[in-house]
Amino acid sequence: MMKSNSFCGYSLIITFFMLFLGARSTSQLTPNFYGKTCPNLFTVVKNEVQKAFDKENRMAASLLQLHFHDCFVNVRRIPLPTITQLEGFEVVDIIKGAVERECPGVTRGPSWTVLLGRRDGFVSSRTAADDGLPSAFESLENITKKYAKVGLNIIDVVSSSGSHTIGLARIKMGNISSPSGSRTGEIQRNCKRVN
């Protein structure tokens, strides 16, 4: 009888231990993840994003594009054949630095290398990026299917297409700076009416 009670006791302890570990591993991503360890996180991020918007009007579209690509391919800073240059990485680095200054060591700061690991993905694959990311030349049907594969719907297709609208609106309003590289002046030549 003593062995049976002992076995039940150990089983109960192991069960609680496993439940505790399971709860910890499934609850790592929450809206209030940094609520106690870095309570001003959202304010710091919002302030830095606002500074970036104030400095460069097109940054809203650039950050939206970065988020879109990261959502699809689970990688950062890998060149894609359909995109000549992604902008906004410097803003992400500035935000990470500001958060590290506010909460040293809590968010792993600017020394955290994304390619080594993330909480939202386990794979960094250029092939997956090339195959999975919708091309601007694909049909709406194919683009919608690719969105659906990552849990997004037609509303998300329209929303992410809005990043192009943001950029076009800036161009049409004449509120732009010259692009860098070989395309310098191209927008001004093509949009003589507003520039």
N, C-alpha and C. Protein backbone atom coordinates (compact mmCIF):
# COMPACT_ATOMS: atom_id res chain seq x y z
N MET A 1 0.82 -1.20 0.00
CA MET A 1 0.00 0.00 0.00
C MET A 1 0.87 1.26 0.00
N MET A 2 1.99 1.20 0.70
CA MET A 2 2.87 2.35 0.78
C MET A 2 3.47 2.68 -0.59
N LYS A 3 3.81 1.63 -1.39
CA LYS A 3 4.36 1.85 -2.72
C LYS A 3 3.34 2.55 -3.61
N SER A 4 2.09 2.16 -3.54
CA SER A 4 1.04 2.72 -4.35
C SER A 4 0.86 4.21 -4.05
N ASN A 5 0.82 4.59 -2.78
CA ASN A 5 0.69 5.99 -2.40
C ASN A 5 1.90 6.80 -2.86
N SER A 6 3.07 6.21 -2.74
CA SER A 6 4.30 6.87 -3.17
C SER A 6 4.27 7.10 -4.68
N PHE A 7 3.84 6.09 -5.42
CA PHE A 7 3.74 6.20 -6.88
C PHE A 7 2.75 7.29 -7.26
N CYS A 8 1.60 7.32 -6.60
CA CYS A 8 0.58 8.35 -6.87
C CYS A 8 1.13 9.74 -6.57
N GLY A 9 1.87 9.86 -5.48
CA GLY A 9 2.46 11.14 -5.10
C GLY A 9 3.44 11.63 -6.16
N TYR A 10 4.31 10.74 -6.60
CA TYR A 10 5.27 11.10 -7.64
C TYR A 10 4.56 11.43 -8.96
N SER A 11 3.56 10.65 -9.28
CA SER A 11 2.80 10.90 -10.51
C SER A 11 2.14 12.27 -10.46
N LEU A 12 1.59 12.62 -9.31
CA LEU A 12 0.94 13.91 -9.14
C LEU A 12 1.95 15.04 -9.30
N ILE A 13 3.11 14.89 -8.69
CA ILE A 13 4.16 15.91 -8.80
C ILE A 13 4.61 16.06 -10.24
N ILE A 14 4.85 14.95 -10.92
CA ILE A 14 5.29 14.99 -12.31
C ILE A 14 4.21 15.62 -13.19
N THR A 15 2.95 15.30 -12.93
CA THR A 15 1.85 15.87 -13.70
C THR A 15 1.81 17.38 -13.55
N PHE A 16 1.90 17.88 -12.30
CA PHE A 16 1.90 19.33 -12.08
C PHE A 16 3.11 19.98 -12.74
N PHE A 17 4.25 19.34 -12.64
CA PHE A 17 5.46 19.86 -13.25
C PHE A 17 5.29 19.98 -14.78
N MET A 18 4.75 18.95 -15.41
CA MET A 18 4.54 18.96 -16.85
C MET A 18 3.51 20.02 -17.25
N LEU A 19 2.44 20.15 -16.46
CA LEU A 19 1.45 21.18 -16.74
C LEU A 19 2.06 22.57 -16.63
N PHE A 20 2.91 22.77 -15.62
CA PHE A 20 3.58 24.04 -15.44
C PHE A 20 4.47 24.35 -16.63
N LEU A 21 5.26 23.38 -17.08
CA LEU A 21 6.13 23.59 -18.23
C LEU A 21 5.31 23.83 -19.49
N GLY A 22 4.24 23.10 -19.67
CA GLY A 22 3.38 23.28 -20.83
C GLY A 22 2.77 24.66 -20.86
N ALA A 23 2.31 25.13 -19.72
CA ALA A 23 1.72 26.47 -19.64
C ALA A 23 2.77 27.53 -19.95
N ARG A 24 3.99 27.34 -19.48
CA ARG A 24 5.05 28.30 -19.73
C ARG A 24 5.41 28.36 -21.22
N SER A 25 5.47 27.21 -21.87
CA SER A 25 5.88 27.18 -23.27
C SER A 25 4.79 27.69 -24.20
N THR A 26 3.53 27.52 -23.86
CA THR A 26 2.47 27.98 -24.75
C THR A 26 2.09 29.43 -24.50
N SER A 27 2.53 30.00 -23.41
CA SER A 27 2.11 31.37 -23.11
C SER A 27 3.23 32.38 -23.34
N GLN A 28 4.21 32.04 -24.13
CA GLN A 28 5.31 32.97 -24.32
C GLN A 28 4.95 34.17 -25.19
N LEU A 29 4.06 34.03 -26.12
CA LEU A 29 3.69 35.15 -26.97
C LEU A 29 2.31 35.67 -26.55
N THR A 30 2.31 36.81 -25.90
CA THR A 30 1.08 37.44 -25.45
C THR A 30 1.19 38.95 -25.64
N PRO A 31 0.08 39.66 -25.72
CA PRO A 31 0.15 41.12 -25.88
C PRO A 31 0.86 41.81 -24.71
N ASN A 32 0.84 41.20 -23.54
CA ASN A 32 1.48 41.83 -22.37
C ASN A 32 2.75 41.09 -21.95
N PHE A 33 3.43 40.50 -22.91
CA PHE A 33 4.64 39.71 -22.63
C PHE A 33 5.66 40.51 -21.81
N TYR A 34 5.84 41.79 -22.13
CA TYR A 34 6.81 42.63 -21.43
C TYR A 34 6.15 43.53 -20.38
N GLY A 35 4.92 43.23 -20.00
CA GLY A 35 4.18 44.07 -19.07
C GLY A 35 4.90 44.37 -17.76
N LYS A 36 5.59 43.38 -17.23
CA LYS A 36 6.30 43.59 -15.95
C LYS A 36 7.77 43.91 -16.15
N THR A 37 8.38 43.32 -17.17
CA THR A 37 9.83 43.49 -17.34
C THR A 37 10.20 44.75 -18.12
N CYS A 38 9.28 45.27 -18.93
CA CYS A 38 9.54 46.49 -19.71
C CYS A 38 8.21 47.19 -19.99
N PRO A 39 7.59 47.75 -18.94
CA PRO A 39 6.23 48.29 -19.08
C PRO A 39 6.09 49.44 -20.08
N ASN A 40 7.18 50.15 -20.39
CA ASN A 40 7.10 51.27 -21.33
C ASN A 40 7.46 50.86 -22.76
N LEU A 41 7.51 49.58 -23.03
CA LEU A 41 7.93 49.08 -24.34
C LEU A 41 7.13 49.72 -25.47
N PHE A 42 5.81 49.68 -25.40
CA PHE A 42 4.99 50.19 -26.49
C PHE A 42 5.19 51.68 -26.70
N THR A 43 5.37 52.42 -25.63
CA THR A 43 5.61 53.86 -25.73
C THR A 43 6.94 54.13 -26.42
N VAL A 44 7.97 53.40 -26.04
CA VAL A 44 9.29 53.56 -26.65
C VAL A 44 9.21 53.26 -28.15
N VAL A 45 8.58 52.15 -28.50
CA VAL A 45 8.47 51.76 -29.92
C VAL A 45 7.67 52.80 -30.68
N LYS A 46 6.53 53.22 -30.12
CA LYS A 46 5.68 54.21 -30.79
C LYS A 46 6.44 55.51 -31.03
N ASN A 47 7.19 55.97 -30.04
CA ASN A 47 7.94 57.22 -30.18
C ASN A 47 8.99 57.12 -31.29
N GLU A 48 9.69 56.00 -31.35
CA GLU A 48 10.72 55.83 -32.38
C GLU A 48 10.11 55.71 -33.77
N VAL A 49 8.99 55.02 -33.87
CA VAL A 49 8.32 54.91 -35.17
C VAL A 49 7.83 56.29 -35.60
N GLN A 50 7.29 57.08 -34.68
CA GLN A 50 6.82 58.42 -35.02
C GLN A 50 7.98 59.30 -35.50
N LYS A 51 9.13 59.19 -34.82
CA LYS A 51 10.32 59.94 -35.26
C LYS A 51 10.70 59.55 -36.69
N ALA A 52 10.64 58.27 -36.98
CA ALA A 52 10.99 57.80 -38.33
C ALA A 52 10.00 58.35 -39.36
N PHE A 53 8.71 58.37 -39.02
CA PHE A 53 7.69 58.91 -39.93
C PHE A 53 7.93 60.40 -40.16
N ASP A 54 8.25 61.12 -39.07
CA ASP A 54 8.47 62.56 -39.19
C ASP A 54 9.69 62.87 -40.07
N LYS A 55 10.69 62.01 -39.98
CA LYS A 55 11.93 62.21 -40.74
C LYS A 55 11.77 61.82 -42.21
N GLU A 56 11.04 60.76 -42.47
CA GLU A 56 10.88 60.23 -43.83
C GLU A 56 9.43 59.82 -44.03
N ASN A 57 8.71 60.56 -44.86
CA ASN A 57 7.28 60.32 -45.07
C ASN A 57 6.97 58.93 -45.61
N ARG A 58 7.89 58.36 -46.36
CA ARG A 58 7.65 57.05 -46.96
C ARG A 58 7.90 55.89 -46.00
N MET A 59 8.34 56.17 -44.79
CA MET A 59 8.71 55.10 -43.86
C MET A 59 7.51 54.23 -43.48
N ALA A 60 6.30 54.78 -43.46
CA ALA A 60 5.12 53.97 -43.15
C ALA A 60 5.01 52.82 -44.15
N ALA A 61 5.15 53.14 -45.42
CA ALA A 61 5.09 52.10 -46.46
C ALA A 61 6.25 51.13 -46.33
N SER A 62 7.44 51.63 -46.02
CA SER A 62 8.61 50.76 -45.89
C SER A 62 8.46 49.79 -44.73
N LEU A 63 7.99 50.27 -43.60
CA LEU A 63 7.81 49.38 -42.44
C LEU A 63 6.70 48.37 -42.69
N LEU A 64 5.64 48.81 -43.36
CA LEU A 64 4.57 47.88 -43.72
C LEU A 64 5.10 46.79 -44.65
N GLN A 65 5.94 47.17 -45.59
CA GLN A 65 6.52 46.20 -46.52
C GLN A 65 7.44 45.22 -45.78
N LEU A 66 8.24 45.72 -44.84
CA LEU A 66 9.10 44.84 -44.04
C LEU A 66 8.26 43.82 -43.26
N HIS A 67 7.20 44.31 -42.63
CA HIS A 67 6.33 43.42 -41.85
C HIS A 67 5.71 42.37 -42.76
N PHE A 68 5.26 42.77 -43.92
CA PHE A 68 4.65 41.87 -44.88
C PHE A 68 5.63 40.77 -45.29
N HIS A 69 6.86 41.14 -45.66
CA HIS A 69 7.83 40.15 -46.08
C HIS A 69 8.23 39.23 -44.93
N ASP A 70 8.38 39.78 -43.74
CA ASP A 70 8.75 38.97 -42.59
C ASP A 70 7.65 37.96 -42.27
N CYS A 71 6.40 38.38 -42.42
CA CYS A 71 5.26 37.50 -42.17
C CYS A 71 5.28 36.31 -43.12
N PHE A 72 5.64 36.55 -44.38
CA PHE A 72 5.59 35.49 -45.38
C PHE A 72 6.78 34.54 -45.32
N VAL A 73 7.97 35.04 -45.07
CA VAL A 73 9.13 34.18 -45.29
C VAL A 73 9.95 33.89 -44.03
N ASN A 74 9.59 34.46 -42.89
CA ASN A 74 10.28 34.18 -41.63
C ASN A 74 11.78 34.43 -41.70
N VAL A 75 12.19 35.43 -42.43
CA VAL A 75 13.61 35.77 -42.51
C VAL A 75 13.77 37.28 -42.49
N ARG A 76 14.99 37.72 -42.23
CA ARG A 76 15.29 39.14 -42.21
C ARG A 76 16.56 39.39 -43.00
N ARG A 77 16.54 40.37 -43.86
CA ARG A 77 17.70 40.81 -44.63
C ARG A 77 18.21 39.78 -45.62
N ILE A 78 17.34 38.98 -46.16
CA ILE A 78 17.75 38.07 -47.24
C ILE A 78 17.26 38.67 -48.54
N PRO A 79 18.15 38.87 -49.51
CA PRO A 79 17.72 39.48 -50.77
C PRO A 79 16.75 38.60 -51.53
N LEU A 80 15.75 39.20 -52.09
CA LEU A 80 14.75 38.48 -52.86
C LEU A 80 14.85 38.92 -54.30
N PRO A 81 14.62 38.01 -55.24
CA PRO A 81 14.79 38.38 -56.64
C PRO A 81 13.79 39.41 -57.14
N THR A 82 12.63 39.50 -56.52
CA THR A 82 11.61 40.43 -57.01
C THR A 82 11.71 41.80 -56.36
N ILE A 83 12.64 41.97 -55.43
CA ILE A 83 12.75 43.23 -54.71
C ILE A 83 14.20 43.70 -54.76
N THR A 84 14.41 44.91 -55.26
CA THR A 84 15.78 45.39 -55.38
C THR A 84 16.31 45.90 -54.05
N GLN A 85 15.45 46.46 -53.22
CA GLN A 85 15.92 46.98 -51.94
C GLN A 85 14.74 47.16 -50.99
N LEU A 86 14.88 46.63 -49.79
CA LEU A 86 13.90 46.88 -48.74
C LEU A 86 14.45 47.97 -47.85
N GLU A 87 13.62 48.91 -47.48
CA GLU A 87 14.04 49.99 -46.60
C GLU A 87 13.38 49.82 -45.24
N GLY A 88 13.96 50.40 -44.23
CA GLY A 88 13.37 50.40 -42.90
C GLY A 88 14.13 49.58 -41.88
N PHE A 89 15.12 48.79 -42.33
CA PHE A 89 15.88 48.01 -41.36
C PHE A 89 16.58 48.90 -40.35
N GLU A 90 17.03 50.07 -40.80
CA GLU A 90 17.71 50.98 -39.89
C GLU A 90 16.76 51.46 -38.79
N VAL A 91 15.48 51.62 -39.12
CA VAL A 91 14.49 52.03 -38.12
C VAL A 91 14.29 50.90 -37.10
N VAL A 92 14.24 49.67 -37.58
CA VAL A 92 14.12 48.53 -36.67
C VAL A 92 15.31 48.50 -35.71
N ASP A 93 16.51 48.74 -36.24
CA ASP A 93 17.71 48.75 -35.39
C ASP A 93 17.66 49.89 -34.36
N ILE A 94 17.17 51.05 -34.78
CA ILE A 94 17.04 52.19 -33.86
C ILE A 94 16.04 51.85 -32.75
N ILE A 95 14.92 51.24 -33.13
CA ILE A 95 13.91 50.86 -32.14
C ILE A 95 14.50 49.85 -31.15
N LYS A 96 15.21 48.86 -31.67
CA LYS A 96 15.82 47.86 -30.79
C LYS A 96 16.79 48.52 -29.81
N GLY A 97 17.57 49.49 -30.29
CA GLY A 97 18.50 50.21 -29.42
C GLY A 97 17.78 51.00 -28.33
N ALA A 98 16.70 51.67 -28.71
CA ALA A 98 15.92 52.45 -27.73
C ALA A 98 15.30 51.55 -26.68
N VAL A 99 14.79 50.40 -27.11
CA VAL A 99 14.20 49.45 -26.15
C VAL A 99 15.28 48.91 -25.22
N GLU A 100 16.45 48.62 -25.75
CA GLU A 100 17.55 48.11 -24.92
C GLU A 100 17.98 49.15 -23.88
N ARG A 101 17.98 50.42 -24.28
CA ARG A 101 18.33 51.48 -23.31
C ARG A 101 17.27 51.60 -22.22
N GLU A 102 16.00 51.44 -22.58
CA GLU A 102 14.90 51.53 -21.63
C GLU A 102 14.87 50.32 -20.69
N CYS A 103 15.12 49.15 -21.23
CA CYS A 103 15.02 47.90 -20.48
C CYS A 103 16.23 47.02 -20.79
N PRO A 104 17.41 47.35 -20.23
CA PRO A 104 18.63 46.61 -20.57
C PRO A 104 18.50 45.11 -20.32
N GLY A 105 18.85 44.34 -21.34
CA GLY A 105 18.88 42.89 -21.20
C GLY A 105 17.54 42.18 -21.27
N VAL A 106 16.45 42.92 -21.23
CA VAL A 106 15.14 42.29 -21.17
C VAL A 106 14.69 41.78 -22.53
N THR A 107 14.90 42.57 -23.56
CA THR A 107 14.43 42.19 -24.89
C THR A 107 15.55 41.64 -25.77
N ARG A 108 16.66 41.40 -25.21
CA ARG A 108 17.84 40.88 -25.90
C ARG A 108 18.51 41.91 -26.78
N GLY A 109 17.96 43.08 -26.88
CA GLY A 109 18.60 44.21 -27.51
C GLY A 109 19.18 43.99 -28.89
N PRO A 110 19.98 44.94 -29.34
CA PRO A 110 20.49 44.90 -30.70
C PRO A 110 21.48 43.78 -30.97
N SER A 111 21.89 43.06 -29.97
CA SER A 111 22.83 41.97 -30.21
C SER A 111 22.11 40.66 -30.56
N TRP A 112 20.79 40.67 -30.52
CA TRP A 112 20.03 39.47 -30.84
C TRP A 112 20.02 39.30 -32.35
N THR A 113 20.62 38.24 -32.84
CA THR A 113 20.70 37.98 -34.26
C THR A 113 19.48 37.17 -34.69
N VAL A 114 18.66 37.76 -35.50
CA VAL A 114 17.40 37.14 -35.91
C VAL A 114 17.63 35.82 -36.62
N LEU A 115 18.67 35.72 -37.44
CA LEU A 115 18.88 34.51 -38.21
C LEU A 115 19.20 33.30 -37.34
N LEU A 116 19.58 33.51 -36.08
CA LEU A 116 19.89 32.40 -35.19
C LEU A 116 18.66 31.83 -34.50
N GLY A 117 17.60 32.57 -34.43
CA GLY A 117 16.40 32.03 -33.80
C GLY A 117 15.38 33.08 -33.49
N ARG A 118 14.15 32.64 -33.50
CA ARG A 118 13.03 33.52 -33.21
C ARG A 118 11.95 32.74 -32.51
N ARG A 119 11.07 33.43 -31.86
CA ARG A 119 9.96 32.77 -31.18
C ARG A 119 8.82 32.45 -32.13
N ASP A 120 8.80 33.09 -33.29
CA ASP A 120 7.67 32.88 -34.20
C ASP A 120 8.04 32.04 -35.42
N GLY A 121 9.23 31.48 -35.47
CA GLY A 121 9.60 30.66 -36.61
C GLY A 121 10.85 29.85 -36.33
N PHE A 122 10.99 28.76 -37.03
CA PHE A 122 12.13 27.88 -36.84
C PHE A 122 12.96 27.72 -38.11
N VAL A 123 12.52 28.31 -39.20
CA VAL A 123 13.17 28.08 -40.47
C VAL A 123 13.54 29.40 -41.12
N SER A 124 14.74 29.51 -41.63
CA SER A 124 15.15 30.62 -42.46
C SER A 124 15.66 30.03 -43.76
N SER A 125 14.88 30.18 -44.80
CA SER A 125 15.20 29.52 -46.06
C SER A 125 15.01 30.47 -47.23
N ARG A 126 16.07 30.68 -47.99
CA ARG A 126 15.95 31.55 -49.16
C ARG A 126 14.99 30.93 -50.18
N THR A 127 15.05 29.61 -50.32
CA THR A 127 14.14 28.94 -51.25
C THR A 127 12.69 29.20 -50.86
N ALA A 128 12.41 29.10 -49.56
CA ALA A 128 11.04 29.38 -49.10
C ALA A 128 10.67 30.82 -49.37
N ALA A 129 11.63 31.72 -49.22
CA ALA A 129 11.36 33.12 -49.50
C ALA A 129 11.05 33.33 -50.97
N ASP A 130 11.88 32.73 -51.83
CA ASP A 130 11.67 32.89 -53.27
C ASP A 130 10.36 32.25 -53.73
N ASP A 131 10.04 31.09 -53.18
CA ASP A 131 8.83 30.36 -53.60
C ASP A 131 7.57 30.86 -52.92
N GLY A 132 7.68 31.30 -51.67
CA GLY A 132 6.49 31.63 -50.89
C GLY A 132 6.00 33.05 -51.00
N LEU A 133 6.89 33.97 -51.32
CA LEU A 133 6.52 35.38 -51.37
C LEU A 133 5.79 35.69 -52.66
N PRO A 134 4.59 36.27 -52.57
CA PRO A 134 3.86 36.60 -53.80
C PRO A 134 4.63 37.62 -54.64
N SER A 135 4.63 37.41 -55.91
CA SER A 135 5.27 38.33 -56.85
C SER A 135 4.26 39.37 -57.30
N ALA A 136 4.75 40.51 -57.64
CA ALA A 136 3.88 41.57 -58.15
C ALA A 136 3.29 41.20 -59.51
N PHE A 137 3.85 40.17 -60.14
CA PHE A 137 3.40 39.79 -61.47
C PHE A 137 2.45 38.59 -61.45
N GLU A 138 2.12 38.09 -60.27
CA GLU A 138 1.21 36.94 -60.16
C GLU A 138 -0.24 37.40 -60.26
N SER A 139 -1.09 36.44 -60.57
CA SER A 139 -2.52 36.73 -60.63
C SER A 139 -3.05 36.92 -59.21
N LEU A 140 -4.17 37.60 -59.10
CA LEU A 140 -4.80 37.81 -57.80
C LEU A 140 -5.13 36.46 -57.16
N GLU A 141 -5.54 35.50 -57.97
CA GLU A 141 -5.87 34.17 -57.45
C GLU A 141 -4.66 33.52 -56.78
N ASN A 142 -3.50 33.58 -57.42
CA ASN A 142 -2.29 33.00 -56.83
C ASN A 142 -1.86 33.75 -55.57
N ILE A 143 -1.95 35.07 -55.62
CA ILE A 143 -1.57 35.87 -54.46
C ILE A 143 -2.48 35.54 -53.28
N THR A 144 -3.78 35.45 -53.53
CA THR A 144 -4.74 35.11 -52.47
C THR A 144 -4.46 33.74 -51.89
N LYS A 145 -4.11 32.78 -52.72
CA LYS A 145 -3.77 31.43 -52.24
C LYS A 145 -2.53 31.47 -51.33
N LYS A 146 -1.53 32.25 -51.72
CA LYS A 146 -0.32 32.35 -50.90
C LYS A 146 -0.63 33.01 -49.55
N TYR A 147 -1.48 34.00 -49.56
CA TYR A 147 -1.90 34.62 -48.30
C TYR A 147 -2.62 33.60 -47.42
N ALA A 148 -3.51 32.83 -48.03
CA ALA A 148 -4.28 31.84 -47.27
C ALA A 148 -3.36 30.80 -46.62
N LYS A 149 -2.27 30.45 -47.30
CA LYS A 149 -1.33 29.46 -46.75
C LYS A 149 -0.71 29.92 -45.43
N VAL A 150 -0.63 31.24 -45.21
CA VAL A 150 -0.06 31.74 -43.97
C VAL A 150 -1.14 32.31 -43.05
N GLY A 151 -2.40 31.95 -43.31
CA GLY A 151 -3.49 32.32 -42.43
C GLY A 151 -4.06 33.71 -42.66
N LEU A 152 -3.83 34.28 -43.83
CA LEU A 152 -4.35 35.61 -44.14
C LEU A 152 -5.47 35.50 -45.16
N ASN A 153 -6.26 36.57 -45.27
CA ASN A 153 -7.41 36.53 -46.17
C ASN A 153 -7.38 37.71 -47.15
N ILE A 154 -8.43 37.88 -47.90
CA ILE A 154 -8.49 38.90 -48.94
C ILE A 154 -8.37 40.31 -48.35
N ILE A 155 -8.85 40.49 -47.13
CA ILE A 155 -8.71 41.79 -46.47
C ILE A 155 -7.23 42.10 -46.26
N ASP A 156 -6.46 41.08 -45.91
CA ASP A 156 -5.02 41.27 -45.73
C ASP A 156 -4.33 41.58 -47.06
N VAL A 157 -4.81 40.96 -48.14
CA VAL A 157 -4.26 41.25 -49.48
C VAL A 157 -4.45 42.73 -49.78
N VAL A 158 -5.66 43.21 -49.55
CA VAL A 158 -5.97 44.61 -49.83
C VAL A 158 -5.16 45.53 -48.91
N SER A 159 -5.07 45.17 -47.63
CA SER A 159 -4.33 46.00 -46.68
C SER A 159 -2.86 46.12 -47.04
N SER A 160 -2.23 44.99 -47.38
CA SER A 160 -0.81 45.07 -47.71
C SER A 160 -0.59 45.76 -49.04
N SER A 161 -1.58 45.69 -49.91
CA SER A 161 -1.48 46.44 -51.17
C SER A 161 -1.53 47.93 -50.89
N GLY A 162 -2.04 48.29 -49.74
CA GLY A 162 -2.09 49.69 -49.34
C GLY A 162 -0.72 50.33 -49.21
N SER A 163 0.32 49.53 -48.98
CA SER A 163 1.66 50.11 -48.88
C SER A 163 2.05 50.74 -50.21
N HIS A 164 1.61 50.14 -51.31
CA HIS A 164 1.88 50.74 -52.62
C HIS A 164 1.09 52.03 -52.77
N THR A 165 -0.13 52.05 -52.25
CA THR A 165 -0.96 53.24 -52.33
C THR A 165 -0.34 54.38 -51.53
N ILE A 166 0.24 54.07 -50.37
CA ILE A 166 0.92 55.10 -49.58
C ILE A 166 2.02 55.73 -50.40
N GLY A 167 2.84 54.88 -51.03
CA GLY A 167 3.94 55.39 -51.84
C GLY A 167 3.45 56.20 -53.03
N LEU A 168 2.42 55.69 -53.71
CA LEU A 168 1.88 56.42 -54.87
C LEU A 168 1.28 57.75 -54.45
N ALA A 169 0.62 57.78 -53.30
CA ALA A 169 0.03 59.03 -52.82
C ALA A 169 1.11 60.07 -52.57
N ARG A 170 2.24 59.64 -52.00
CA ARG A 170 3.34 60.57 -51.76
C ARG A 170 3.89 61.11 -53.09
N ILE A 171 3.99 60.23 -54.07
CA ILE A 171 4.50 60.64 -55.38
C ILE A 171 3.55 61.63 -56.02
N LYS A 172 2.24 61.32 -56.01
CA LYS A 172 1.25 62.18 -56.65
C LYS A 172 1.17 63.54 -55.97
N MET A 173 1.43 63.56 -54.65
CA MET A 173 1.37 64.83 -53.92
C MET A 173 2.67 65.62 -54.08
N GLY A 174 3.69 64.99 -54.67
CA GLY A 174 4.96 65.67 -54.83
C GLY A 174 5.77 65.70 -53.55
N ASN A 175 5.34 65.01 -52.53
CA ASN A 175 6.02 65.01 -51.24
C ASN A 175 7.02 63.86 -51.18
N ILE A 176 8.04 63.95 -52.01
CA ILE A 176 8.99 62.85 -52.11
C ILE A 176 10.41 63.40 -52.17
N SER A 177 11.34 62.54 -51.89
CA SER A 177 12.74 62.86 -52.11
C SER A 177 13.23 61.98 -53.25
N SER A 178 14.35 62.33 -53.84
CA SER A 178 14.87 61.54 -54.96
C SER A 178 15.30 60.17 -54.47
N PRO A 179 14.93 59.13 -55.21
CA PRO A 179 15.41 57.81 -54.86
C PRO A 179 16.91 57.72 -55.08
N SER A 180 17.55 56.81 -54.41
CA SER A 180 18.99 56.67 -54.55
C SER A 180 19.32 55.75 -55.71
N GLY A 181 20.57 55.77 -56.14
CA GLY A 181 21.04 54.84 -57.16
C GLY A 181 20.74 55.32 -58.57
N SER A 182 20.64 54.37 -59.49
CA SER A 182 20.49 54.69 -60.90
C SER A 182 19.12 55.29 -61.23
N ARG A 183 18.18 55.22 -60.31
CA ARG A 183 16.83 55.72 -60.59
C ARG A 183 16.66 57.18 -60.19
N THR A 184 17.76 57.84 -59.75
CA THR A 184 17.67 59.22 -59.31
C THR A 184 17.04 60.08 -60.39
N GLY A 185 16.03 60.81 -60.04
CA GLY A 185 15.36 61.71 -60.96
C GLY A 185 14.27 61.08 -61.80
N GLU A 186 14.16 59.77 -61.77
CA GLU A 186 13.16 59.09 -62.61
C GLU A 186 11.75 59.53 -62.25
N ILE A 187 11.47 59.61 -60.96
CA ILE A 187 10.12 59.99 -60.54
C ILE A 187 9.83 61.43 -60.96
N GLN A 188 10.80 62.32 -60.78
CA GLN A 188 10.59 63.71 -61.17
C GLN A 188 10.33 63.82 -62.67
N ARG A 189 11.05 63.04 -63.48
CA ARG A 189 10.85 63.08 -64.94
C ARG A 189 9.47 62.55 -65.31
N ASN A 190 9.03 61.49 -64.62
CA ASN A 190 7.77 60.86 -64.97
C ASN A 190 6.56 61.57 -64.38
N CYS A 191 6.77 62.41 -63.41
CA CYS A 191 5.65 63.09 -62.73
C CYS A 191 5.86 64.59 -62.81
N LYS A 192 6.04 65.12 -64.02
CA LYS A 192 6.36 66.53 -64.21
C LYS A 192 5.28 67.46 -63.68
N ARG A 193 4.04 66.99 -63.71
CA ARG A 193 2.94 67.84 -63.31
C ARG A 193 3.05 68.29 -61.85
N VAL A 194 3.49 67.41 -60.96
CA VAL A 194 3.56 67.77 -59.54
C VAL A 194 4.96 68.11 -59.08
N ASN A 195 5.97 67.74 -59.85
CA ASN A 195 7.35 67.97 -59.42
C ASN A 195 7.98 69.06 -60.26
